[in-house]
Amino acid sequence: MDTRRKIAHMQQRQPSRTRQEVYDFIKRYKREHAGNSPTLRNIGEALYLSLSSVNYHVRQLQKEGRIQRTPHVARGIVVLHDDDELSPDE
């Protein structure tokens, strides 16, 4: 396996630190704001990221199946698998 393939494979298995921070921020924001999602600008300002970086990480989270976005809706991010919200029985 060449170097590029190894790097791509590793990136698929484990999200980057920044991507995990974006994901954690989205979950935290939704908990603190009565279930409302943050805008991409909210995420960027909180994590000191450019809008293009936020957009990239949000798209990657979508590809990983961790979130879903409603097209053309500013606060349309839905967390699909939030381990924090599972009851102890599940």
C-alpha atoms as a PDB file:
ATOM      1  CA  MET A   1       0.000   0.000   0.000  1.00  0.00           C
ATOM      2  CA  ASP A   2       1.517   3.311  -1.010  1.00  0.00           C
ATOM      3  CA  THR A   3       1.808   6.262   1.371  1.00  0.00           C
ATOM      4  CA  ARG A   4      -1.205   8.136   0.020  1.00  0.00           C
ATOM      5  CA  ARG A   5      -3.456   5.125   0.418  1.00  0.00           C
ATOM      6  CA  LYS A   6      -2.198   4.538   3.970  1.00  0.00           C
ATOM      7  CA  ILE A   7      -2.910   8.145   4.919  1.00  0.00           C
ATOM      8  CA  ALA A   8      -6.365   8.035   3.323  1.00  0.00           C
ATOM      9  CA  HIS A   9      -7.142   4.776   5.110  1.00  0.00           C
ATOM     10  CA  MET A  10      -6.025   6.161   8.481  1.00  0.00           C
ATOM     11  CA  GLN A  11      -8.094   9.310   7.980  1.00  0.00           C
ATOM     12  CA  GLN A  12     -11.199   7.238   7.306  1.00  0.00           C
ATOM     13  CA  ARG A  13     -10.794   5.212  10.479  1.00  0.00           C
ATOM     14  CA  GLN A  14     -10.123   8.041  12.910  1.00  0.00           C
ATOM     15  CA  PRO A  15     -11.435  11.580  12.501  1.00  0.00           C
ATOM     16  CA  SER A  16      -8.988  14.431  12.847  1.00  0.00           C
ATOM     17  CA  ARG A  17      -8.799  16.309  16.118  1.00  0.00           C
ATOM     18  CA  THR A  18     -10.388  19.357  14.482  1.00  0.00           C
ATOM     19  CA  ARG A  19     -13.251  17.304  13.038  1.00  0.00           C
ATOM     20  CA  GLN A  20     -13.886  15.781  16.455  1.00  0.00           C
ATOM     21  CA  GLU A  21     -13.895  19.276  17.988  1.00  0.00           C
ATOM     22  CA  VAL A  22     -16.459  20.400  15.395  1.00  0.00           C
ATOM     23  CA  TYR A  23     -18.626  17.357  16.170  1.00  0.00           C
ATOM     24  CA  ASP A  24     -18.356  17.898  19.937  1.00  0.00           C
ATOM     25  CA  PHE A  25     -19.185  21.598  19.535  1.00  0.00           C
ATOM     26  CA  ILE A  26     -22.312  20.778  17.526  1.00  0.00           C
ATOM     27  CA  LYS A  27     -23.511  18.342  20.212  1.00  0.00           C
ATOM     28  CA  ARG A  28     -22.732  20.786  23.038  1.00  0.00           C
ATOM     29  CA  TYR A  29     -24.395  23.706  21.231  1.00  0.00           C
ATOM     30  CA  LYS A  30     -27.574  21.687  20.650  1.00  0.00           C
ATOM     31  CA  ARG A  31     -27.714  20.727  24.347  1.00  0.00           C
ATOM     32  CA  GLU A  32     -27.182  24.330  25.482  1.00  0.00           C
ATOM     33  CA  HIS A  33     -29.623  25.900  22.977  1.00  0.00           C
ATOM     34  CA  ALA A  34     -32.752  23.773  23.368  1.00  0.00           C
ATOM     35  CA  GLY A  35     -31.941  21.498  20.446  1.00  0.00           C
ATOM     36  CA  ASN A  36     -31.176  24.276  17.954  1.00  0.00           C
ATOM     37  CA  SER A  37     -28.210  23.608  15.704  1.00  0.00           C
ATOM     38  CA  PRO A  38     -25.314  26.040  15.316  1.00  0.00           C
ATOM     39  CA  THR A  39     -24.707  27.809  12.037  1.00  0.00           C
ATOM     40  CA  LEU A  40     -21.429  27.231  10.250  1.00  0.00           C
ATOM     41  CA  ARG A  41     -20.447  30.736  11.333  1.00  0.00           C
ATOM     42  CA  ASN A  42     -21.183  29.853  15.002  1.00  0.00           C
ATOM     43  CA  ILE A  43     -18.898  26.836  14.715  1.00  0.00           C
ATOM     44  CA  GLY A  44     -16.120  28.828  13.041  1.00  0.00           C
ATOM     45  CA  GLU A  45     -16.208  31.643  15.579  1.00  0.00           C
ATOM     46  CA  ALA A  46     -16.185  29.269  18.540  1.00  0.00           C
ATOM     47  CA  LEU A  47     -13.331  27.126  17.222  1.00  0.00           C
ATOM     48  CA  TYR A  48     -11.363  29.885  15.424  1.00  0.00           C
ATOM     49  CA  LEU A  49     -11.802  28.224  12.025  1.00  0.00           C
ATOM     50  CA  SER A  50     -12.482  29.738   8.635  1.00  0.00           C
ATOM     51  CA  LEU A  51     -15.873  29.145   7.072  1.00  0.00           C
ATOM     52  CA  SER A  52     -14.294  26.959   4.395  1.00  0.00           C
ATOM     53  CA  SER A  53     -12.624  24.785   7.062  1.00  0.00           C
ATOM     54  CA  VAL A  54     -15.891  24.416   8.950  1.00  0.00           C
ATOM     55  CA  ASN A  55     -17.676  23.531   5.724  1.00  0.00           C
ATOM     56  CA  TYR A  56     -15.036  20.892   4.937  1.00  0.00           C
ATOM     57  CA  HIS A  57     -15.264  19.239   8.364  1.00  0.00           C
ATOM     58  CA  VAL A  58     -19.074  19.304   8.353  1.00  0.00           C
ATOM     59  CA  ARG A  59     -19.083  17.614   4.920  1.00  0.00           C
ATOM     60  CA  GLN A  60     -16.648  14.989   6.223  1.00  0.00           C
ATOM     61  CA  LEU A  61     -18.871  14.364   9.260  1.00  0.00           C
ATOM     62  CA  GLN A  62     -21.763  13.848   6.845  1.00  0.00           C
ATOM     63  CA  LYS A  63     -19.750  11.344   4.814  1.00  0.00           C
ATOM     64  CA  GLU A  64     -18.886   9.486   8.022  1.00  0.00           C
ATOM     65  CA  GLY A  65     -22.594   9.279   8.859  1.00  0.00           C
ATOM     66  CA  ARG A  66     -22.245  11.172  12.133  1.00  0.00           C
ATOM     67  CA  ILE A  67     -24.429  14.130  11.144  1.00  0.00           C
ATOM     68  CA  GLN A  68     -26.982  15.039   8.524  1.00  0.00           C
ATOM     69  CA  ARG A  69     -27.650  18.469   7.025  1.00  0.00           C
ATOM     70  CA  THR A  70     -30.870  19.838   5.629  1.00  0.00           C
ATOM     71  CA  PRO A  71     -29.943  21.628   2.388  1.00  0.00           C
ATOM     72  CA  HIS A  72     -30.418  25.413   2.306  1.00  0.00           C
ATOM     73  CA  VAL A  73     -31.262  25.623   6.027  1.00  0.00           C
ATOM     74  CA  ALA A  74     -28.915  27.664   8.230  1.00  0.00           C
ATOM     75  CA  ARG A  75     -29.448  25.583  11.367  1.00  0.00           C
ATOM     76  CA  GLY A  76     -30.118  22.287   9.661  1.00  0.00           C
ATOM     77  CA  ILE A  77     -27.501  20.041  11.277  1.00  0.00           C
ATOM     78  CA  VAL A  78     -28.839  16.848  12.870  1.00  0.00           C
ATOM     79  CA  VAL A  79     -26.604  14.612  14.997  1.00  0.00           C
ATOM     80  CA  LEU A  80     -27.343  11.035  13.945  1.00  0.00           C
ATOM     81  CA  HIS A  81     -25.522   9.006  16.598  1.00  0.00           C
ATOM     82  CA  ASP A  82     -25.094  10.929  19.834  1.00  0.00           C
ATOM     83  CA  ASP A  83     -23.789   8.467  22.418  1.00  0.00           C
ATOM     84  CA  ASP A  84     -24.424  11.041  25.154  1.00  0.00           C
ATOM     85  CA  GLU A  85     -28.176  10.907  24.530  1.00  0.00           C
ATOM     86  CA  LEU A  86     -28.564   7.117  24.817  1.00  0.00           C
ATOM     87  CA  SER A  87     -30.373   5.847  27.851  1.00  0.00           C
ATOM     88  CA  PRO A  88     -28.496   3.409  30.139  1.00  0.00           C
ATOM     89  CA  ASP A  89     -30.749   0.553  28.934  1.00  0.00           C
ATOM     90  CA  GLU A  90     -29.705   0.909  25.282  1.00  0.00           C
END
